[in-house]
C-alpha atoms as a PDB file:
ATOM      1  CA  LEU A   1     188.568 255.680 168.600  1.00  0.00           C
ATOM      2  CA  MET A   2     191.623 253.478 168.457  1.00  0.00           C
ATOM      3  CA  ASP A   3     189.647 250.260 167.859  1.00  0.00           C
ATOM      4  CA  PRO A   4     191.255 249.419 164.486  1.00  0.00           C
ATOM      5  CA  PHE A   5     194.760 249.924 165.901  1.00  0.00           C
ATOM      6  CA  GLU A   6     194.107 247.974 169.107  1.00  0.00           C
ATOM      7  CA  ARG A   7     192.161 245.271 167.254  1.00  0.00           C
ATOM      8  CA  ALA A   8     189.139 245.788 169.483  1.00  0.00           C
ATOM      9  CA  PRO A   9     187.090 243.840 170.329  1.00  0.00           C
ATOM     10  CA  TRP A  10     189.349 240.834 169.596  1.00  0.00           C
ATOM     11  CA  ASN A  11     192.716 241.617 171.214  1.00  0.00           C
ATOM     12  CA  TYR A  12     191.416 244.365 173.471  1.00  0.00           C
ATOM     13  CA  GLY A  13     188.189 245.517 175.010  1.00  0.00           C
ATOM     14  CA  ARG A  14     187.523 249.112 175.964  1.00  0.00           C
ATOM     15  CA  ASP A  15     185.757 250.826 178.818  1.00  0.00           C
ATOM     16  CA  ALA A  16     185.091 254.441 179.701  1.00  0.00           C
ATOM     17  CA  VAL A  17     186.925 255.545 182.828  1.00  0.00           C
ATOM     18  CA  VAL A  18     187.079 258.829 184.712  1.00  0.00           C
ATOM     19  CA  VAL A  19     190.572 260.302 185.026  1.00  0.00           C
ATOM     20  CA  THR A  20     192.060 263.505 186.386  1.00  0.00           C
ATOM     21  CA  ALA A  21     195.098 264.895 184.590  1.00  0.00           C
ATOM     22  CA  SER A  22     198.167 265.830 186.566  1.00  0.00           C
ATOM     23  CA  GLY A  23     197.917 269.469 187.572  1.00  0.00           C
ATOM     24  CA  SER A  24     194.132 269.543 187.154  1.00  0.00           C
ATOM     25  CA  SER A  25     191.212 269.014 189.467  1.00  0.00           C
ATOM     26  CA  GLN A  26     188.714 268.505 186.646  1.00  0.00           C
ATOM     27  CA  PRO A  27     187.807 264.835 186.045  1.00  0.00           C
ATOM     28  CA  VAL A  28     187.168 263.792 182.442  1.00  0.00           C
ATOM     29  CA  SER A  29     185.939 260.625 180.762  1.00  0.00           C
ATOM     30  CA  ALA A  30     188.436 258.683 178.636  1.00  0.00           C
ATOM     31  CA  TRP A  31     188.456 255.388 176.761  1.00  0.00           C
ATOM     32  CA  THR A  32     190.858 252.822 178.184  1.00  0.00           C
ATOM     33  CA  TYR A  33     191.827 249.616 176.429  1.00  0.00           C
ATOM     34  CA  PHE A  34     192.275 246.368 178.356  1.00  0.00           C
ATOM     35  CA  ALA A  35     193.941 243.253 176.967  1.00  0.00           C
ATOM     36  CA  ASN A  36     191.496 240.397 176.585  1.00  0.00           C
ATOM     37  CA  THR A  37     192.269 237.445 178.830  1.00  0.00           C
ATOM     38  CA  ALA A  38     193.026 235.123 175.893  1.00  0.00           C
ATOM     39  CA  PHE A  39     195.949 237.369 174.871  1.00  0.00           C
ATOM     40  CA  ARG A  40     197.591 237.775 178.294  1.00  0.00           C
ATOM     41  CA  GLN A  41     200.748 235.775 178.974  1.00  0.00           C
ATOM     42  CA  PRO A  42     203.428 236.030 181.639  1.00  0.00           C
ATOM     43  CA  GLY A  43     206.450 237.855 180.263  1.00  0.00           C
ATOM     44  CA  LEU A  44     204.657 239.120 177.147  1.00  0.00           C
ATOM     45  CA  LEU A  45     206.162 242.445 176.113  1.00  0.00           C
ATOM     46  CA  PRO A  46     205.542 244.907 173.291  1.00  0.00           C
ATOM     47  CA  SER A  47     207.241 244.524 169.927  1.00  0.00           C
ATOM     48  CA  ALA A  48     210.051 246.906 169.021  1.00  0.00           C
ATOM     49  CA  ALA A  49     207.697 248.615 166.533  1.00  0.00           C
ATOM     50  CA  TYR A  50     205.035 249.201 169.181  1.00  0.00           C
ATOM     51  CA  LEU A  51     207.628 250.439 171.639  1.00  0.00           C
ATOM     52  CA  ALA A  52     208.836 252.941 169.015  1.00  0.00           C
ATOM     53  CA  HIS A  53     205.211 254.016 168.509  1.00  0.00           C
ATOM     54  CA  LEU A  54     204.829 254.664 172.242  1.00  0.00           C
ATOM     55  CA  LEU A  55     208.081 256.615 172.394  1.00  0.00           C
ATOM     56  CA  ALA A  56     206.960 258.782 169.469  1.00  0.00           C
ATOM     57  CA  GLY A  57     204.407 260.264 171.878  1.00  0.00           C
ATOM     58  CA  ASP A  58     207.051 261.358 174.377  1.00  0.00           C
ATOM     59  CA  ASP A  59     205.804 264.974 174.309  1.00  0.00           C
ATOM     60  CA  PHE A  60     202.550 263.756 175.850  1.00  0.00           C
ATOM     61  CA  LEU A  61     203.944 261.321 178.434  1.00  0.00           C
ATOM     62  CA  PRO A  62     205.490 261.845 181.874  1.00  0.00           C
ATOM     63  CA  PRO A  63     209.317 261.965 181.661  1.00  0.00           C
ATOM     64  CA  ALA A  64     209.730 259.061 184.100  1.00  0.00           C
ATOM     65  CA  TYR A  65     207.495 256.855 181.933  1.00  0.00           C
ATOM     66  CA  VAL A  66     209.410 257.826 178.784  1.00  0.00           C
ATOM     67  CA  ALA A  67     212.688 256.924 180.504  1.00  0.00           C
ATOM     68  CA  TRP A  68     211.255 253.572 181.589  1.00  0.00           C
ATOM     69  CA  LEU A  69     210.073 252.823 178.040  1.00  0.00           C
ATOM     70  CA  ALA A  70     213.359 254.008 176.504  1.00  0.00           C
ATOM     71  CA  ALA A  71     215.292 251.597 178.707  1.00  0.00           C
ATOM     72  CA  TRP A  72     213.638 248.736 176.801  1.00  0.00           C
ATOM     73  CA  GLN A  73     215.230 249.859 173.526  1.00  0.00           C
ATOM     74  CA  ASP A  74     218.578 248.564 174.748  1.00  0.00           C
ATOM     75  CA  ARG A  75     217.187 245.098 175.426  1.00  0.00           C
ATOM     76  CA  ASP A  76     217.426 242.245 172.978  1.00  0.00           C
ATOM     77  CA  PRO A  77     213.897 241.754 171.542  1.00  0.00           C
ATOM     78  CA  GLY A  78     214.532 238.002 171.415  1.00  0.00           C
ATOM     79  CA  ALA A  79     215.182 238.104 175.144  1.00  0.00           C
ATOM     80  CA  TRP A  80     211.805 239.750 175.643  1.00  0.00           C
ATOM     81  CA  ARG A  81     209.998 236.684 174.367  1.00  0.00           C
ATOM     82  CA  SER A  82     212.173 234.215 176.283  1.00  0.00           C
ATOM     83  CA  GLY A  83     211.928 236.081 179.578  1.00  0.00           C
ATOM     84  CA  ALA A  84     215.724 236.552 179.715  1.00  0.00           C
ATOM     85  CA  TRP A  85     215.182 240.305 180.182  1.00  0.00           C
ATOM     86  CA  ARG A  86     214.322 239.584 183.839  1.00  0.00           C
ATOM     87  CA  ALA A  87     217.848 238.372 184.634  1.00  0.00           C
END
């Protein structure tokens, strides 16, 4: 489990969900992490380090999602916190 990395149960909770992978008809159970309400804020975005961690898994992610994540690398991290990235 990813509990130590996601700081569950403090920052995140987890639930089992049933998913079906693209190109498959076989549903499987998977753990999904959900941000706890106390840690949700409008405009809150991942740190540059976490974004890099996500992008390191690009072999396992849909290309469109990788492109969307990669677009954030060109943004000023300070702007992420201020909400200026929305402009």
